[in-house]
Protein backbone atom coordinates (compact mmCIF):
# COMPACT_ATOMS: atom_id res chain seq x y z
CA MET A 1 32.56 47.70 -30.03
CA THR A 2 30.48 50.41 -31.66
CA LYS A 3 27.49 52.17 -30.15
CA LYS A 4 24.34 52.75 -32.18
CA LEU A 5 21.65 55.35 -31.57
CA PRO A 6 18.38 53.71 -30.62
CA PHE A 7 16.08 53.38 -33.62
CA SER A 8 13.10 54.19 -31.40
CA THR A 9 14.41 57.74 -30.75
CA PHE A 10 14.18 58.64 -34.44
CA THR A 11 10.88 56.79 -34.86
CA ILE A 12 9.32 58.78 -32.02
CA ALA A 13 10.73 62.07 -33.37
CA LEU A 14 9.34 61.36 -36.86
CA PHE A 15 5.93 60.46 -35.40
CA VAL A 16 5.77 63.69 -33.36
CA ILE A 17 6.73 65.76 -36.40
CA HIS A 18 4.14 63.97 -38.57
CA VAL A 19 1.30 64.42 -36.08
CA SER A 20 2.17 68.10 -35.59
CA SER A 21 2.09 68.69 -39.34
CA LEU A 22 -1.68 68.26 -39.53
CA MET A 23 -2.49 71.91 -38.62
CA PRO A 24 -2.27 74.14 -41.76
CA VAL A 25 -1.59 77.85 -41.19
CA HIS A 26 1.61 79.04 -42.93
CA ALA A 27 1.42 76.72 -45.92
CA GLY A 28 3.74 77.60 -48.76
CA GLN A 29 6.12 79.85 -46.82
CA LEU A 30 9.66 79.62 -48.19
CA ALA A 31 12.96 80.76 -46.66
CA VAL A 32 16.48 81.07 -47.98
CA GLY A 33 19.04 80.87 -45.22
CA LEU A 34 22.70 81.58 -44.70
CA ASN A 35 24.17 79.24 -42.09
CA TYR A 36 27.78 78.97 -41.09
CA PRO A 37 29.37 77.96 -43.50
CA GLY A 38 26.64 77.32 -46.07
CA LEU A 39 23.16 77.82 -47.52
CA GLY A 40 19.72 76.35 -46.95
CA VAL A 41 16.25 76.41 -48.48
CA ARG A 42 13.35 75.83 -46.09
CA TYR A 43 9.72 75.14 -47.00
CA HIS A 44 6.93 75.46 -44.40
CA PHE A 45 4.12 73.02 -45.00
CA ASN A 46 2.10 74.72 -42.25
CA ASP A 47 2.52 76.59 -38.97
CA ARG A 48 4.27 73.69 -37.24
CA PHE A 49 6.25 71.69 -39.81
CA ALA A 50 9.06 72.64 -42.21
CA LEU A 51 11.72 70.83 -44.22
CA GLU A 52 15.08 72.34 -45.14
CA LEU A 53 17.70 71.26 -47.66
CA ARG A 54 21.13 72.44 -46.47
CA GLY A 55 24.57 72.51 -47.99
CA GLN A 56 27.80 73.48 -46.29
CA TYR A 57 31.22 73.94 -47.79
CA ASP A 58 34.65 74.16 -46.23
CA SER A 59 38.04 73.79 -47.89
CA ASP A 60 38.37 70.25 -46.46
CA GLU A 61 34.75 69.12 -46.27
CA ASN A 62 31.38 69.27 -48.04
CA VAL A 63 28.09 68.45 -46.32
CA ILE A 64 24.59 68.10 -47.76
CA GLY A 65 21.58 67.21 -45.68
CA MET A 66 17.90 67.50 -44.88
CA ARG A 67 16.33 68.94 -41.72
CA ALA A 68 12.80 68.45 -40.42
CA TYR A 69 11.54 71.19 -38.07
CA ARG A 70 8.70 71.04 -35.58
CA TYR A 71 7.79 74.58 -34.45
CA PHE A 72 6.20 74.96 -31.01
CA THR A 73 5.51 78.69 -31.41
CA ARG A 74 5.43 81.04 -34.41
CA ASN A 75 5.81 84.51 -32.90
CA LYS A 76 8.56 87.10 -32.84
CA LEU A 77 10.55 84.35 -31.06
CA SER A 78 9.74 80.94 -32.55
CA LEU A 79 10.92 77.83 -30.69
CA PHE A 80 11.55 74.56 -32.52
CA ALA A 81 13.05 71.09 -32.37
CA GLY A 82 13.87 68.64 -35.12
CA ILE A 83 16.03 66.02 -36.73
CA GLU A 84 18.69 66.18 -39.42
CA ALA A 85 20.39 63.64 -41.68
CA ASP A 86 23.60 64.51 -43.59
CA TYR A 87 26.08 63.08 -46.05
CA THR A 88 29.65 64.39 -45.97
CA GLY A 89 32.73 64.06 -48.10
CA PHE A 90 36.15 65.12 -46.85
CA LYS A 91 39.70 65.39 -48.16
CA LEU A 92 42.66 66.13 -45.93
CA ASP A 93 46.39 65.88 -46.59
CA ILE A 94 46.67 62.15 -45.87
CA ILE A 95 43.08 60.83 -45.92
CA GLU A 96 40.00 61.16 -48.06
CA GLY A 97 36.60 59.73 -47.37
CA MET A 98 32.91 60.07 -46.72
CA GLY A 99 30.47 59.77 -43.91
CA TYR A 100 27.05 60.30 -42.46
CA ALA A 101 25.55 62.17 -39.52
CA ALA A 102 22.20 62.06 -37.73
CA GLU A 103 21.28 64.91 -35.42
CA MET A 104 18.51 65.96 -33.05
CA PHE A 105 18.38 69.68 -32.31
CA ALA A 106 16.42 72.37 -30.48
CA GLY A 107 16.59 76.11 -30.79
CA GLY A 108 14.91 79.36 -31.60
CA GLU A 109 14.37 81.79 -34.43
CA TYR A 110 14.00 85.51 -33.71
CA ASN A 111 12.28 87.75 -36.28
CA ILE A 112 14.29 90.94 -36.71
CA LEU A 113 11.92 92.13 -39.44
CA ASP A 114 8.76 90.62 -40.90
CA GLN A 115 10.76 88.64 -43.47
CA LEU A 116 14.18 88.42 -41.79
CA SER A 117 15.16 86.23 -38.83
CA VAL A 118 18.23 84.96 -36.99
CA GLN A 119 18.43 81.38 -35.78
CA LEU A 120 20.39 79.45 -33.17
CA ASP A 121 20.13 75.73 -32.42
CA ILE A 122 22.13 73.05 -30.63
CA GLY A 123 21.99 69.29 -30.45
CA PRO A 124 23.79 65.95 -30.36
CA ALA A 125 24.87 64.37 -33.64
CA TRP A 126 25.98 60.80 -34.25
CA VAL A 127 28.78 61.01 -36.84
CA VAL A 128 30.26 58.13 -38.86
CA LEU A 129 33.34 58.77 -41.05
CA ARG A 130 35.20 56.28 -43.26
CA ASP A 131 38.49 56.57 -45.13
CA ASN A 132 38.22 55.60 -48.81
CA THR A 133 41.72 54.16 -49.14
CA THR A 134 41.79 52.01 -46.00
CA THR A 135 39.27 50.22 -43.83
CA ALA A 136 39.70 52.85 -41.11
CA SER A 137 36.55 54.41 -39.73
CA VAL A 138 35.50 56.40 -36.72
CA GLU A 139 32.12 57.15 -35.21
CA GLY A 140 30.90 58.98 -32.17
CA LEU A 141 28.69 61.55 -30.56
CA GLU A 142 29.39 65.23 -31.21
CA PHE A 143 27.52 68.36 -30.17
CA VAL A 144 26.68 70.79 -32.95
CA VAL A 145 25.78 74.47 -32.64
CA GLY A 146 24.12 76.09 -35.65
CA ILE A 147 23.69 79.79 -36.37
CA GLY A 148 22.03 81.39 -39.35
CA VAL A 149 20.03 84.17 -40.96
CA ASN A 150 16.78 83.42 -42.85
CA TRP A 151 14.91 85.49 -45.43
CA TYR A 152 11.23 84.51 -45.79
CA PHE A 153 8.95 85.06 -48.76
CA GLY A 154 5.71 83.65 -50.16
CA GLY A 155 2.98 81.82 -48.32
CA ASN A 156 0.70 83.15 -45.60
CA ARG A 157 2.40 85.37 -43.00
């Protein structure tokens, strides 16, 4: 028996992010981020809503995904929550496959300088992995901690 995340959780999260995106302040702000172990590019549509394309690379695994951020504050310490969807490919000694992950997260971003910040977030992720050579698969809930450094440019600050 497999457990599925309730569809309504993601629907509510998307609705909250959409409604919060109707207040333009920091439109056009762009950030390039280093996250462990990868890179991201984030675009702020306004003071409250941003999207980020992320890629992560490890010797055994590659992950690419999209994050949607909802900022509650935009000060020296900015608090946020959001959702993430990822695709992963992996290759180990005896198995090779692909999978998906869906995550909800919350965290903060601290501005060290006007254009430089550090970020920390944590959240549950539902992960589904499948082996390409067999019918074996595994899925379950994992907790993910993310750390990163962001460099901002462009837009209204």
